């Protein structure tokens, strides 16, 4: 007799006008997706959020995070309806788990060599979560994160970016020991040496440009930093310790 694999427990948080049925649907879909993980799933959490924004096409936001044998895997999706967002989330989570399996097989992929401090991903996500159109006068830096990064190559940093499902990844370059950035933007060209700016100057540049983030060296400390647009319309700031 074939053994039935136990479903993986998934905690679900509902925000906004999201019904219990959507939560049950997400729990079932994500639990099934995590069943293909090549390692024990130590924790899994899903957040479903309905955002009433007349200017946005996609009101349903679905996010998932999972601890797979000590490594965090994340995915995020947006769609006009919550079932569509959950379906997209399941697809993207499965893709992240496939990336993780591939990384466990080998630490090196055969790709062309990226330009210095630049990574151009071949297949950007089909639906990135839209920014809330908050007016400039009401925007604040609501998240400030400082972390120490192990030295790595651009290839290794791109792996981490894929696993976290981020648009960029700040790291310390193994060859130069300098702050560096990989990203998904198809047209942006990152300067070999990021500019030296204060936080206020970086904020002014972010508000003036159309890019979703600014990579710079903090003027006083020289720390590699990224000021970026959050999906709630505010700013986030990441610094290398």
Protein backbone atom coordinates (compact mmCIF):
# COMPACT_ATOMS: atom_id res chain seq x y z
CA UNK A 1 0.00 0.00 0.00
CA UNK A 2 1.36 3.41 -0.96
CA UNK A 3 1.96 5.79 1.90
CA UNK A 4 0.17 9.14 1.79
CA UNK A 5 2.46 12.06 2.48
CA UNK A 6 1.27 14.24 5.34
CA UNK A 7 0.31 17.79 4.28
CA UNK A 8 2.81 20.45 5.31
CA UNK A 9 1.39 22.84 7.94
CA UNK A 10 1.02 26.38 6.61
CA UNK A 11 -0.06 29.34 8.74
CA UNK A 12 -2.17 31.93 6.92
CA UNK A 13 -2.68 35.60 7.79
CA UNK A 14 -5.64 37.43 6.23
CA UNK A 15 -5.60 41.20 5.81
CA UNK A 16 -8.23 43.50 4.41
CA UNK A 17 -11.46 42.06 3.07
CA UNK A 18 -10.21 38.50 2.52
CA UNK A 19 -12.56 35.62 3.28
CA UNK A 20 -11.80 32.36 5.06
CA UNK A 21 -12.32 30.41 1.84
CA UNK A 22 -9.35 32.20 0.26
CA UNK A 23 -7.25 31.29 3.29
CA UNK A 24 -8.18 27.60 3.01
CA UNK A 25 -7.49 27.67 -0.72
CA UNK A 26 -4.06 29.22 -0.18
CA UNK A 27 -3.19 26.78 2.61
CA UNK A 28 -4.01 23.81 0.39
CA UNK A 29 -2.18 25.13 -2.69
CA UNK A 30 0.98 26.20 -0.86
CA UNK A 31 1.12 23.03 1.24
CA UNK A 32 0.99 21.00 -1.97
CA UNK A 33 3.69 23.14 -3.59
CA UNK A 34 5.98 22.70 -0.59
CA UNK A 35 5.61 18.95 -0.93
CA UNK A 36 8.21 19.02 -3.72
CA UNK A 37 10.84 20.65 -1.48
CA UNK A 38 14.06 18.63 -1.32
CA UNK A 39 14.50 19.09 2.41
CA UNK A 40 12.39 19.42 5.56
CA UNK A 41 10.05 22.41 5.63
CA UNK A 42 10.57 23.84 9.12
CA UNK A 43 8.08 26.70 8.81
CA UNK A 44 5.69 28.09 6.21
CA UNK A 45 3.61 31.27 6.29
CA UNK A 46 1.25 32.89 3.79
CA UNK A 47 -0.12 36.44 3.89
CA UNK A 48 -3.18 37.37 1.80
CA UNK A 49 -3.91 41.09 1.54
CA UNK A 50 -6.70 42.90 -0.30
CA UNK A 51 -5.77 46.52 -1.05
CA UNK A 52 -8.52 48.94 -2.07
CA UNK A 53 -6.63 51.17 -4.47
CA UNK A 54 -8.67 52.51 -7.42
CA UNK A 55 -5.47 53.35 -9.30
CA UNK A 56 -4.19 49.76 -9.20
CA UNK A 57 -5.30 46.92 -11.46
CA UNK A 58 -4.23 44.16 -9.08
CA UNK A 59 -5.90 44.44 -5.67
CA UNK A 60 -5.08 40.94 -4.42
CA UNK A 61 -1.59 40.46 -2.93
CA UNK A 62 -0.31 37.02 -1.89
CA UNK A 63 3.03 36.37 -0.18
CA UNK A 64 4.66 33.16 1.01
CA UNK A 65 7.77 32.43 3.04
CA UNK A 66 9.14 29.02 3.95
CA UNK A 67 12.12 27.77 5.90
CA UNK A 68 13.44 24.81 3.93
CA UNK A 69 16.14 23.05 5.92
CA UNK A 70 17.43 26.37 7.26
CA UNK A 71 17.17 28.37 4.01
CA UNK A 72 14.45 30.98 3.51
CA UNK A 73 12.47 30.82 0.28
CA UNK A 74 10.02 33.61 -0.52
CA UNK A 75 7.53 34.42 -3.28
CA UNK A 76 5.06 37.22 -3.93
CA UNK A 77 2.29 37.70 -6.48
CA UNK A 78 -0.44 40.19 -7.35
CA UNK A 79 -3.61 39.74 -9.41
CA UNK A 80 -7.11 41.20 -9.87
CA UNK A 81 -8.66 38.40 -7.76
CA UNK A 82 -7.37 36.46 -4.77
CA UNK A 83 -7.65 32.99 -6.39
CA UNK A 84 -5.56 34.27 -9.31
CA UNK A 85 -2.98 35.71 -6.91
CA UNK A 86 -2.77 32.41 -5.00
CA UNK A 87 -2.37 30.42 -8.24
CA UNK A 88 0.42 32.76 -9.35
CA UNK A 89 2.01 32.48 -5.90
CA UNK A 90 1.99 28.68 -6.08
CA UNK A 91 3.68 28.77 -9.48
CA UNK A 92 6.36 31.18 -8.33
CA UNK A 93 7.00 29.26 -5.10
CA UNK A 94 7.49 26.06 -7.08
CA UNK A 95 9.97 27.93 -9.27
CA UNK A 96 11.86 29.15 -6.20
CA UNK A 97 12.03 25.60 -4.84
CA UNK A 98 13.40 24.43 -8.19
CA UNK A 99 16.09 27.14 -7.95
CA UNK A 100 16.96 25.90 -4.48
CA UNK A 101 17.27 22.31 -5.68
CA UNK A 102 19.46 23.45 -8.56
CA UNK A 103 21.71 25.39 -6.19
CA UNK A 104 22.11 22.36 -3.98
CA UNK A 105 23.29 20.38 -7.01
CA UNK A 106 25.88 22.92 -8.07
CA UNK A 107 27.10 26.34 -6.96
CA UNK A 108 27.86 27.45 -10.50
CA UNK A 109 25.59 28.00 -13.50
CA UNK A 110 26.79 28.33 -17.07
CA UNK A 111 25.74 31.85 -17.98
CA UNK A 112 27.44 34.74 -19.67
CA UNK A 113 29.62 36.92 -17.45
CA UNK A 114 27.64 39.96 -16.23
CA UNK A 115 29.05 43.45 -16.31
CA UNK A 116 30.64 44.63 -13.09
CA UNK A 117 28.03 45.18 -10.34
CA UNK A 118 25.21 44.19 -12.69
CA UNK A 119 23.00 41.15 -13.07
CA UNK A 120 20.35 40.87 -15.77
CA UNK A 121 17.97 38.05 -15.05
CA UNK A 122 16.67 36.30 -18.13
CA UNK A 123 13.07 35.87 -17.07
CA UNK A 124 11.63 38.56 -14.82
CA UNK A 125 8.42 37.74 -12.94
CA UNK A 126 5.24 38.25 -14.94
CA UNK A 127 3.46 40.30 -12.29
CA UNK A 128 5.35 42.49 -9.86
CA UNK A 129 3.31 43.98 -7.04
CA UNK A 130 2.35 47.61 -7.89
CA UNK A 131 3.48 50.53 -5.78
CA UNK A 132 0.80 52.37 -3.84
CA UNK A 133 0.66 55.91 -5.32
CA UNK A 134 1.45 57.75 -2.08
CA UNK A 135 2.18 61.48 -2.41
CA UNK A 136 5.82 62.51 -1.87
CA UNK A 137 5.05 64.56 1.22
CA UNK A 138 3.66 61.52 3.07
CA UNK A 139 6.43 59.04 2.24
CA UNK A 140 8.71 57.92 5.06
CA UNK A 141 11.54 55.44 5.58
CA UNK A 142 9.51 52.86 7.51
CA UNK A 143 12.00 50.00 7.38
CA UNK A 144 15.73 50.30 8.08
CA UNK A 145 17.69 47.06 7.94
CA UNK A 146 21.42 46.63 8.52
CA UNK A 147 23.08 43.28 7.92
CA UNK A 148 26.48 41.68 7.46
CA UNK A 149 26.98 39.92 4.11
CA UNK A 150 29.46 37.17 3.46
CA UNK A 151 31.69 37.87 0.48
CA UNK A 152 30.34 36.31 -2.71
CA UNK A 153 30.44 36.51 -6.48
CA UNK A 154 27.73 38.12 -8.62
CA UNK A 155 26.64 34.61 -9.60
CA UNK A 156 26.15 33.59 -5.98
CA UNK A 157 24.35 36.85 -5.20
CA UNK A 158 21.98 36.22 -8.12
CA UNK A 159 21.13 32.83 -6.60
CA UNK A 160 20.24 34.53 -3.32
CA UNK A 161 18.15 37.13 -5.15
CA UNK A 162 16.21 34.39 -6.93
CA UNK A 163 15.57 32.42 -3.74
CA UNK A 164 14.30 35.52 -1.93
CA UNK A 165 12.27 36.61 -4.99
CA UNK A 166 13.66 40.14 -4.74
CA UNK A 167 14.26 42.69 -7.48
CA UNK A 168 17.80 43.36 -6.22
CA UNK A 169 20.34 41.95 -3.78
CA UNK A 170 23.01 43.92 -1.90
CA UNK A 171 26.21 42.03 -1.09
CA UNK A 172 29.97 42.30 -0.61
CA UNK A 173 31.98 41.42 -3.72
CA UNK A 174 34.43 38.55 -3.15
CA UNK A 175 37.12 39.97 -5.45
CA UNK A 176 37.15 43.62 -4.36
CA UNK A 177 35.53 43.39 -0.90
CA UNK A 178 33.44 46.40 -1.98
CA UNK A 179 29.65 46.76 -1.76
CA UNK A 180 27.94 45.52 -4.92
CA UNK A 181 24.46 44.96 -6.28
CA UNK A 182 22.74 42.51 -8.60
CA UNK A 183 19.29 43.31 -9.96
CA UNK A 184 16.56 42.29 -12.39
CA UNK A 185 16.05 45.59 -14.20
CA UNK A 186 16.29 44.94 -17.96
CA UNK A 187 17.59 48.38 -18.94
CA UNK A 188 19.34 49.86 -15.91
CA UNK A 189 23.13 50.13 -16.06
CA UNK A 190 24.73 50.24 -12.63
CA UNK A 191 27.77 52.49 -12.31
CA UNK A 192 30.96 50.54 -11.43
CA UNK A 193 31.37 52.81 -8.40
CA UNK A 194 28.10 53.83 -6.71
CA UNK A 195 27.82 57.53 -5.78
CA UNK A 196 28.52 58.82 -2.29
CA UNK A 197 25.27 60.28 -0.95
CA UNK A 198 23.51 61.17 2.26
CA UNK A 199 20.15 59.56 2.92
CA UNK A 200 18.40 62.83 2.03
CA UNK A 201 20.29 63.03 -1.27
CA UNK A 202 19.44 59.41 -2.06
CA UNK A 203 15.80 60.12 -1.29
CA UNK A 204 15.78 63.16 -3.59
CA UNK A 205 17.32 61.09 -6.38
CA UNK A 206 14.80 58.28 -5.86
CA UNK A 207 11.89 60.72 -6.04
CA UNK A 208 13.30 62.38 -9.17
CA UNK A 209 14.11 59.20 -11.12
CA UNK A 210 11.80 56.49 -12.39
CA UNK A 211 13.89 53.59 -11.04
CA UNK A 212 12.56 51.57 -8.06
CA UNK A 213 15.75 51.94 -5.99
CA UNK A 214 19.01 53.88 -5.55
CA UNK A 215 22.29 52.08 -4.82
CA UNK A 216 24.85 54.32 -3.10
CA UNK A 217 27.60 54.61 -0.50
CA UNK A 218 26.53 56.37 2.69
CA UNK A 219 28.49 59.65 2.74
CA UNK A 220 29.68 59.48 6.37
CA UNK A 221 30.32 55.76 6.83
CA UNK A 222 30.92 54.53 3.27
CA UNK A 223 28.47 51.68 3.88
CA UNK A 224 26.84 50.16 0.80
CA UNK A 225 23.17 51.14 0.89
CA UNK A 226 19.98 50.75 -1.12
CA UNK A 227 17.00 53.06 -0.69
CA UNK A 228 13.95 51.58 -2.39
CA UNK A 229 10.23 51.99 -2.96
CA UNK A 230 8.11 49.71 -0.80
CA UNK A 231 4.81 48.39 -2.11
CA UNK A 232 2.90 50.47 0.47
CA UNK A 233 4.28 53.66 -1.09
CA UNK A 234 6.84 54.33 1.66
CA UNK A 235 10.61 53.73 1.51
CA UNK A 236 12.85 50.97 2.80
CA UNK A 237 16.58 51.28 3.50
CA UNK A 238 19.11 48.42 3.51
CA UNK A 239 22.74 48.86 4.58
CA UNK A 240 25.75 46.58 4.69
CA UNK A 241 27.12 46.49 8.22
